[in-house]
Structures are given as C-alpha cells and as structure tokens.
Amino acid sequence: MLGWRSSPSSKYRNIQKVRPHNRRSAANVEANLAMPRAITQSDDSRIEQLVVSGRGQEAVEALQSVKNRIDGNTTVCLMNNGLGVLEDVRKKIFEGSDAAPNFLLGHMSHRLAFNRTYDAVTQLKQGQTKLTFAEAPRMRVKDMHKVESRPNFVKTLEEAKDLHTTLTPFDQWLRFKLPTVIFDSVVEPVCVLLDMPYQGLLQNPAAQRMMHSLLSEIIQVLESMPELEGSTVIRDYVHSKGIRKFMYSRIMGKRSQPSQLVRRIENGLPTDVEYLNGYFLRRGQKLGLDLHMNLMMRDMIKAKHSQAIERLNSFIPVEETSVPSHLAFRYRTMPR
C-alpha cells in the first residue's frame, strides 16, 4: 500500500506518480479502465485463502471460475458491494455441495486506486477494514477466536498494517457497511429516475420525499431482521441523524458529477440493484412488509437498463480502415 496525500476528487482513477526531482512532485491521473482478467483456468492448485471484491453481481462469476480449486478447508472473504452476496453465492454455486468453503464477510472504507507505473495499489485515503463471520452474527469476538479456524485468515490481513483490519460481531460490521449501502439504495435510484446530478436532489422537494420514503422502508426492514434483534448498534444508528448527514455530505462532495448508476445504465453495464434495493425487498417480503417504493425503484432501474441495452444493440457497428495505396484511385473523390 502506497500512501498518497493529495488525492483527486474521485476515487475512480488510476494514479501514476511522476518523480523527476521530488518523490511527491506530481501525479498523472488517467481513466480507470478495466484491467484484463488473469485467472489461470488450467491451474488446479488448491486455494487456502481467497478475497473476492468488486460489485455484488461479479462474485458468482469470479468464484465459479475457481470453484475446482476450492474445498471445505478454503476460507473465502466476500468483500463485495451490496448485501445478500453470500446467499447468492451459496445458492448458485455451493448449494448441496460438500466442498463449500468457510465464509467471512468484509468491508473497507479505504479509497484505493491502481498505480499503473508500479503495478500496485495506491491508497488515496486511509480507512478501516472490518470482517465478521457469516454463521455467527451475534457471537462475541473473544468467543469467535476460540471456536473458529478462520482467525488464521483474519491474522493474515491484520499483518498488513495499512489495512487496519479488525474482527467484529455481525451488527457492528453491518453498521460499518450500511452508510454506503443506503446511499446506493436511496440516492442513486432517484438520480436515475429524475435523470439529474447529485446536487440537483437537494433542490428538488419531490426528490427529497422519494429519498425519505426509500429510507423509511429500509429502516423498517433493518428493525425487523431477526439477526439484528436487540442490537443497540443498529437501533441507535437508524434512529440518529447520522444517516441523513452522511447522505448530505456525500451528495455535496459529488455535487455536479453525474450519477454512477446513471452512467452504468447508459453504457448497458450490469447494476447491483438486486444487492441493494432487491436485497431489502427479499428480506421485507419474508417479514411481510410493504416496500412499494423500493419495488418501484428496482423495477424502474431494470426497465431503464433493458432499454439502454436495446438502444446499444440497435447501433450499426462501423469499422474505420485505411485504403491501400494501390486501391486509392477507386475511392478518390473527383473534383466537380
């Protein structure tokens, strides 16, 4: 991890350090293009410890590609965006399998970018990394270390001091992750519906009412989840002003930037709506709750995404090539 003091305004950047005279004299920011995947399909060596990061909808594909290298002694840490990724992975990959790995859930608040010059990760902003066990949401941390073998994995991450890794109970881990999940479930869908940048939400009373309705439904689900029953950490958070303060400060930080979800939809890229609003809908349905606002937003995002894909597929691909010199006379424009 390489420290970096003067960070760009957006975390979605690749950083190149230019050091002609001073170690921190300049920084070259380039577009955060997708890096080519380098998963060796022919490698059949067993994986002991694995971290899966990225968007929620990418986790199943990533694990499926290395399923033959995972067994019951493997520890997998899911550090993906959104909630409900673990349930999806178990259902689609390991349901009925005796070789299902041990799972940890993780989340980090660091701001990271890829440093192309040194082929390394650059830390733009220092944060924390928190882990929790998936199967024991209310177990005390000291008891976790006694009965589980997975602390070996936790110890490995703790040795990377810059990650500031800690093992926490489930409710504390969820409290740590909730701000970003709620922002992506409340603010981003309204930006898509109204097709406006973040800052416009603060000047639109109708947009604020929609965000309030979405947030109220999500809080209703959190208060009803059986694994959070009796959790003062979650109860104090959902009834505090911290959620709205976080959303306001993040909206002001992004200001006139276009919504990330809007850009993904316009480009026909997959979204994580099933691990955001979709997750709360699934949990709410099991609890008998009415989440009509989240239902509308999820369906709206899916409809806009399908519409964008149809539009992109309707384009006629055109390839621009050079005309060979010996054929130039055929295509030369004659003066009139």
Protein backbone atom coordinates (compact mmCIF):
# COMPACT_ATOMS: atom_id res chain seq x y z
CA MET A 1 0.00 0.00 0.00
CA LEU A 2 1.47 3.33 -1.03
CA GLY A 3 0.46 6.47 0.82
CA TRP A 4 -0.84 9.46 -1.10
CA ARG A 5 -1.59 12.84 0.46
CA SER A 6 -3.10 14.96 -2.28
CA SER A 7 -5.89 12.83 -3.72
CA PRO A 8 -8.03 13.55 -6.79
CA SER A 9 -11.69 14.41 -6.35
CA SER A 10 -12.86 10.98 -7.47
CA LYS A 11 -11.73 7.57 -6.27
CA TYR A 12 -12.38 6.10 -9.72
CA ARG A 13 -8.96 6.98 -11.09
CA ASN A 14 -5.68 5.31 -11.84
CA ILE A 15 -2.70 7.14 -10.40
CA GLN A 16 0.71 7.49 -11.97
CA LYS A 17 3.42 9.07 -9.89
CA VAL A 18 5.86 11.27 -11.77
CA ARG A 19 9.03 11.82 -9.76
CA PRO A 20 11.59 13.82 -11.75
CA HIS A 21 13.04 15.54 -8.67
CA ASN A 22 10.65 15.09 -5.77
CA ARG A 23 9.02 11.88 -4.60
CA ARG A 24 5.64 13.62 -4.46
CA SER A 25 6.13 16.29 -7.07
CA ALA A 26 3.30 15.40 -9.43
CA ALA A 27 0.57 12.93 -10.20
CA ASN A 28 -0.81 11.89 -13.53
CA VAL A 29 -4.47 10.85 -13.44
CA GLU A 30 -5.81 8.62 -16.16
CA ALA A 31 -9.14 6.93 -16.77
CA ASN A 32 -9.86 3.90 -14.61
CA LEU A 33 -10.09 1.39 -17.43
CA ALA A 34 -10.93 -2.22 -16.69
CA MET A 35 -7.84 -4.33 -16.29
CA PRO A 36 -7.62 -7.61 -18.22
CA ARG A 37 -8.56 -10.67 -16.18
CA ALA A 38 -5.70 -13.04 -15.49
CA ILE A 39 -7.37 -16.07 -13.94
CA THR A 40 -5.50 -19.18 -14.97
CA GLN A 41 -8.13 -21.74 -15.92
CA SER A 42 -5.57 -24.56 -16.18
CA ASP A 43 -4.22 -24.05 -12.65
CA ASP A 44 -5.76 -26.68 -10.35
CA SER A 45 -3.79 -25.94 -7.18
CA ARG A 46 -5.91 -25.63 -4.05
CA ILE A 47 -6.72 -22.14 -2.77
CA GLU A 48 -6.46 -21.79 1.00
CA GLN A 49 -7.45 -18.14 1.41
CA LEU A 50 -9.33 -16.02 -1.10
CA VAL A 51 -10.66 -12.45 -1.12
CA VAL A 52 -13.46 -11.70 -3.59
CA SER A 53 -14.01 -7.99 -4.19
CA GLY A 54 -15.82 -5.85 -6.73
CA ARG A 55 -19.51 -5.43 -7.44
CA GLY A 56 -22.04 -7.80 -5.96
CA GLN A 57 -23.12 -9.21 -9.32
CA GLU A 58 -19.50 -10.18 -10.12
CA ALA A 59 -19.00 -12.50 -7.13
CA VAL A 60 -20.71 -15.60 -8.56
CA GLU A 61 -18.78 -15.46 -11.83
CA ALA A 62 -15.48 -14.90 -10.01
CA LEU A 63 -15.97 -17.87 -7.67
CA GLN A 64 -17.32 -20.10 -10.43
CA SER A 65 -14.07 -19.65 -12.35
CA VAL A 66 -12.03 -21.11 -9.46
CA LYS A 67 -14.60 -23.50 -7.99
CA ASN A 68 -12.41 -26.52 -8.80
CA ARG A 69 -9.68 -25.08 -6.57
CA ILE A 70 -11.92 -24.54 -3.52
CA ASP A 71 -12.82 -27.11 -0.88
CA GLY A 72 -14.13 -27.31 2.67
CA ASN A 73 -10.80 -26.10 4.11
CA THR A 74 -10.75 -22.92 2.00
CA THR A 75 -11.62 -19.58 3.59
CA VAL A 76 -13.35 -17.08 1.29
CA CYS A 77 -13.83 -13.45 2.30
CA LEU A 78 -16.61 -11.73 0.35
CA MET A 79 -15.77 -8.03 0.21
CA ASN A 80 -18.31 -7.04 -2.45
CA ASN A 81 -20.64 -4.10 -2.81
CA GLY A 82 -24.18 -4.52 -1.55
CA LEU A 83 -25.81 -7.12 0.70
CA GLY A 84 -27.00 -10.66 0.10
CA VAL A 85 -23.96 -11.71 -1.96
CA LEU A 86 -23.25 -14.65 0.34
CA GLU A 87 -26.76 -16.06 -0.05
CA ASP A 88 -26.49 -15.74 -3.83
CA VAL A 89 -23.10 -17.48 -3.93
CA ARG A 90 -24.30 -20.37 -1.78
CA LYS A 91 -27.46 -20.85 -3.83
CA LYS A 92 -25.88 -20.69 -7.28
CA ILE A 93 -22.55 -22.41 -6.65
CA PHE A 94 -22.40 -24.41 -3.42
CA GLU A 95 -25.98 -25.49 -2.77
CA GLY A 96 -25.94 -29.18 -1.83
CA SER A 97 -22.14 -29.32 -2.12
CA ASP A 98 -19.94 -30.94 0.50
CA ALA A 99 -16.99 -28.83 -0.63
CA ALA A 100 -18.46 -25.47 0.36
CA PRO A 101 -15.76 -23.20 1.80
CA ASN A 102 -15.82 -21.24 5.05
CA PHE A 103 -17.04 -17.69 4.52
CA LEU A 104 -16.17 -14.34 6.01
CA LEU A 105 -17.85 -11.04 5.21
CA GLY A 106 -15.70 -7.95 4.79
CA HIS A 107 -15.93 -4.26 4.06
CA MET A 108 -13.33 -1.50 3.84
CA SER A 109 -13.55 2.28 3.85
CA HIS A 110 -10.15 2.87 2.22
CA ARG A 111 -10.05 4.78 -1.05
CA LEU A 112 -7.84 2.81 -3.39
CA ALA A 113 -6.70 3.13 -7.00
CA PHE A 114 -4.44 1.20 -9.34
CA ASN A 115 -0.94 2.62 -9.80
CA ARG A 116 -0.07 1.59 -13.35
CA THR A 117 3.55 2.74 -13.07
CA TYR A 118 4.37 0.36 -10.22
CA ASP A 119 1.70 -2.25 -10.93
CA ALA A 120 0.45 -1.77 -7.38
CA VAL A 121 -2.48 -0.42 -5.40
CA THR A 122 -2.31 3.18 -4.22
CA GLN A 123 -4.10 4.29 -1.07
CA LEU A 124 -5.79 7.62 -1.74
CA LYS A 125 -7.48 7.88 1.64
CA GLN A 126 -6.85 5.88 4.79
CA GLY A 127 -9.75 3.92 6.24
CA GLN A 128 -10.58 0.70 8.05
CA THR A 129 -11.26 -2.92 7.16
CA LYS A 130 -13.80 -4.88 9.19
CA LEU A 131 -14.55 -8.58 8.98
CA THR A 132 -17.23 -10.78 10.51
CA PHE A 133 -18.26 -14.43 10.47
CA ALA A 134 -21.27 -15.23 8.35
CA GLU A 135 -22.65 -18.02 10.51
CA ALA A 136 -22.44 -16.42 13.95
CA PRO A 137 -23.86 -12.90 13.75
CA ARG A 138 -24.21 -12.27 17.50
CA MET A 139 -21.18 -14.21 18.75
CA ARG A 140 -18.73 -12.23 20.85
CA VAL A 141 -15.33 -11.59 19.27
CA LYS A 142 -13.38 -13.42 22.02
CA ASP A 143 -15.58 -16.50 21.52
CA MET A 144 -15.07 -16.33 17.75
CA HIS A 145 -11.32 -16.75 18.15
CA LYS A 146 -11.81 -19.80 20.36
CA VAL A 147 -14.13 -21.88 18.18
CA GLU A 148 -13.17 -20.93 14.63
CA SER A 149 -10.15 -21.69 12.46
CA ARG A 150 -10.82 -18.69 10.25
CA PRO A 151 -8.96 -16.25 12.52
CA ASN A 152 -5.84 -17.51 10.68
CA PHE A 153 -7.21 -15.63 7.69
CA VAL A 154 -8.01 -12.61 9.86
CA LYS A 155 -4.48 -12.68 11.28
CA THR A 156 -3.09 -12.66 7.74
CA LEU A 157 -4.96 -9.45 6.96
CA GLU A 158 -4.09 -7.92 10.32
CA GLU A 159 -0.42 -8.29 9.45
CA ALA A 160 -0.98 -5.78 6.63
CA LYS A 161 -0.93 -2.79 8.98
CA ASP A 162 -2.16 -0.29 6.39
CA LEU A 163 -5.47 -2.15 6.11
CA HIS A 164 -6.33 -1.58 9.81
CA THR A 165 -8.24 -4.87 9.91
CA THR A 166 -10.43 -5.86 12.86
CA LEU A 167 -12.80 -8.75 13.51
CA THR A 168 -16.23 -7.60 14.73
CA PRO A 169 -19.68 -9.02 15.50
CA PHE A 170 -22.15 -9.00 12.64
CA ASP A 171 -24.17 -5.99 13.79
CA GLN A 172 -21.07 -3.81 14.12
CA TRP A 173 -19.86 -4.91 10.70
CA LEU A 174 -23.27 -4.11 9.20
CA ARG A 175 -23.29 -0.70 10.89
CA PHE A 176 -19.91 -0.04 9.27
CA LYS A 177 -21.18 -1.01 5.80
CA LEU A 178 -24.70 0.45 5.94
CA PRO A 179 -23.88 4.09 5.00
CA THR A 180 -22.64 3.19 1.51
CA VAL A 181 -25.38 0.58 1.01
CA ILE A 182 -28.10 3.06 1.99
CA PHE A 183 -26.63 5.79 -0.21
CA ASP A 184 -26.60 3.46 -3.23
CA SER A 185 -30.16 2.29 -2.43
CA VAL A 186 -31.66 5.71 -1.76
CA VAL A 187 -29.77 8.42 -3.64
CA GLU A 188 -28.65 6.63 -6.81
CA PRO A 189 -32.13 5.34 -7.87
CA VAL A 190 -33.65 8.81 -7.54
CA CYS A 191 -30.87 10.24 -9.71
CA VAL A 192 -31.74 7.63 -12.35
CA LEU A 193 -35.48 8.30 -12.14
CA LEU A 194 -35.13 12.07 -12.46
CA ASP A 195 -32.02 11.98 -14.66
CA MET A 196 -30.21 14.62 -12.64
CA PRO A 197 -26.79 15.02 -10.96
CA TYR A 198 -26.41 14.55 -7.24
CA GLN A 199 -26.59 18.23 -6.34
CA GLY A 200 -29.98 18.61 -8.01
CA LEU A 201 -31.55 16.33 -5.41
CA LEU A 202 -31.08 18.93 -2.68
CA GLN A 203 -33.02 21.50 -4.69
CA ASN A 204 -35.94 19.24 -5.59
CA PRO A 205 -38.61 18.71 -2.86
CA ALA A 206 -40.15 15.77 -4.73
CA ALA A 207 -36.77 14.04 -4.93
CA GLN A 208 -36.27 14.53 -1.21
CA ARG A 209 -39.68 13.00 -0.45
CA MET A 210 -38.81 9.95 -2.56
CA MET A 211 -35.48 9.53 -0.77
CA HIS A 212 -37.26 9.82 2.58
CA SER A 213 -39.75 7.11 1.59
CA LEU A 214 -36.99 4.76 0.40
CA LEU A 215 -35.02 5.31 3.58
CA SER A 216 -38.04 4.76 5.83
CA GLU A 217 -38.76 1.40 4.19
CA ILE A 218 -35.14 0.28 4.54
CA ILE A 219 -35.09 1.24 8.21
CA GLN A 220 -38.30 -0.75 8.71
CA VAL A 221 -36.57 -3.85 7.30
CA LEU A 222 -33.47 -3.37 9.46
CA GLU A 223 -35.56 -3.04 12.60
CA SER A 224 -37.43 -6.27 11.78
CA MET A 225 -34.48 -8.53 10.85
CA PRO A 226 -34.26 -11.33 13.43
CA GLU A 227 -30.44 -11.41 13.42
CA LEU A 228 -30.42 -7.75 14.50
CA GLU A 229 -32.93 -8.16 17.28
CA GLY A 230 -31.63 -6.47 20.41
CA SER A 231 -28.74 -4.78 18.59
CA THR A 232 -28.28 -1.34 20.12
CA VAL A 233 -25.65 -0.54 17.48
CA ILE A 234 -28.15 -0.74 14.61
CA ARG A 235 -31.03 0.71 16.59
CA ASP A 236 -29.06 3.79 17.62
CA TYR A 237 -27.79 4.30 14.09
CA VAL A 238 -31.11 4.09 12.24
CA HIS A 239 -32.73 6.49 14.71
CA SER A 240 -29.88 9.00 14.65
CA LYS A 241 -29.21 11.84 12.27
CA GLY A 242 -26.06 10.11 11.07
CA ILE A 243 -27.68 8.52 8.00
CA ARG A 244 -29.03 11.79 6.62
CA LYS A 245 -25.83 13.66 7.47
CA PHE A 246 -23.79 11.07 5.58
CA MET A 247 -26.04 11.27 2.51
CA TYR A 248 -25.97 15.08 2.54
CA SER A 249 -22.17 15.27 2.90
CA ARG A 250 -21.65 12.70 0.15
CA ILE A 251 -24.07 14.49 -2.19
CA MET A 252 -22.24 17.75 -1.57
CA GLY A 253 -18.92 16.01 -2.16
CA LYS A 254 -20.07 14.75 -5.56
CA ARG A 255 -22.01 17.95 -6.39
CA SER A 256 -22.49 18.24 -10.15
CA GLN A 257 -20.99 14.87 -11.02
CA PRO A 258 -23.28 12.54 -12.97
CA SER A 259 -24.70 9.62 -11.05
CA GLN A 260 -22.55 6.48 -11.21
CA LEU A 261 -25.67 4.36 -11.63
CA VAL A 262 -26.88 6.58 -14.48
CA ARG A 263 -23.58 6.11 -16.30
CA ARG A 264 -23.64 2.35 -15.86
CA ILE A 265 -27.18 2.13 -17.20
CA GLU A 266 -26.42 4.38 -20.17
CA ASN A 267 -23.47 2.14 -21.08
CA GLY A 268 -25.50 -1.04 -20.66
CA LEU A 269 -23.33 -2.29 -17.80
CA PRO A 270 -24.73 -4.62 -15.12
CA THR A 271 -26.03 -3.00 -11.94
CA ASP A 272 -26.07 -4.12 -8.32
CA VAL A 273 -29.74 -3.29 -7.78
CA GLU A 274 -30.51 -6.88 -6.69
CA TYR A 275 -27.95 -6.49 -3.89
CA LEU A 276 -29.27 -3.08 -2.82
CA ASN A 277 -33.00 -2.39 -3.13
CA GLY A 278 -33.51 -6.00 -4.22
CA TYR A 279 -31.94 -7.30 -1.00
CA PHE A 280 -34.25 -5.25 1.21
CA LEU A 281 -37.21 -6.33 -0.91
CA ARG A 282 -36.39 -10.02 -0.41
CA ARG A 283 -35.93 -9.59 3.32
CA GLY A 284 -39.05 -7.44 3.59
CA GLN A 285 -41.14 -9.98 1.69
CA LYS A 286 -40.17 -12.73 4.15
CA LEU A 287 -41.06 -10.41 7.02
CA GLY A 288 -44.42 -9.44 5.49
CA LEU A 289 -43.50 -5.78 4.97
CA ASP A 290 -44.81 -3.48 2.26
CA LEU A 291 -41.90 -1.88 0.39
CA HIS A 292 -43.72 -0.42 -2.60
CA MET A 293 -41.24 2.44 -3.08
CA ASN A 294 -38.21 0.13 -3.23
CA LEU A 295 -40.16 -2.20 -5.53
CA MET A 296 -40.88 0.65 -7.93
CA MET A 297 -37.25 1.79 -7.93
CA ARG A 298 -35.90 -1.70 -8.56
CA ASP A 299 -38.29 -2.28 -11.47
CA MET A 300 -37.55 1.18 -12.88
CA ILE A 301 -33.79 0.54 -12.85
CA LYS A 302 -34.25 -2.82 -14.55
CA ALA A 303 -36.54 -1.29 -17.19
CA LYS A 304 -34.09 1.53 -17.94
CA HIS A 305 -31.23 -0.94 -18.11
CA SER A 306 -33.10 -3.14 -20.61
CA GLN A 307 -33.99 -0.07 -22.65
CA ALA A 308 -30.35 1.03 -22.74
CA ILE A 309 -29.21 -2.42 -23.91
CA GLU A 310 -31.79 -2.40 -26.71
CA ARG A 311 -30.61 1.04 -27.77
CA LEU A 312 -26.95 -0.02 -27.78
CA ASN A 313 -27.73 -3.21 -29.71
CA SER A 314 -29.54 -1.19 -32.37
CA PHE A 315 -26.36 0.66 -33.33
CA ILE A 316 -24.73 -0.44 -36.58
CA PRO A 317 -21.03 -1.14 -35.99
CA VAL A 318 -18.74 0.79 -38.34
CA GLU A 319 -15.07 -0.04 -38.67
CA GLU A 320 -12.76 2.66 -39.98
CA THR A 321 -9.82 1.34 -42.01
CA SER A 322 -7.15 2.80 -44.26
CA VAL A 323 -7.45 2.35 -48.02
CA PRO A 324 -4.43 0.55 -49.56
CA SER A 325 -2.40 2.80 -51.83
CA HIS A 326 -2.94 0.62 -54.92
CA LEU A 327 -6.73 0.99 -54.49
CA ALA A 328 -6.75 4.70 -53.72
CA PHE A 329 -7.81 5.61 -57.27
CA ARG A 330 -11.11 3.74 -56.79
CA TYR A 331 -12.10 5.77 -53.75
CA ARG A 332 -10.56 9.13 -54.64
CA THR A 333 -13.11 11.91 -54.69
CA MET A 334 -13.13 13.57 -58.10
CA PRO A 335 -13.37 17.36 -58.16
CA ARG A 336 -16.65 18.67 -59.57
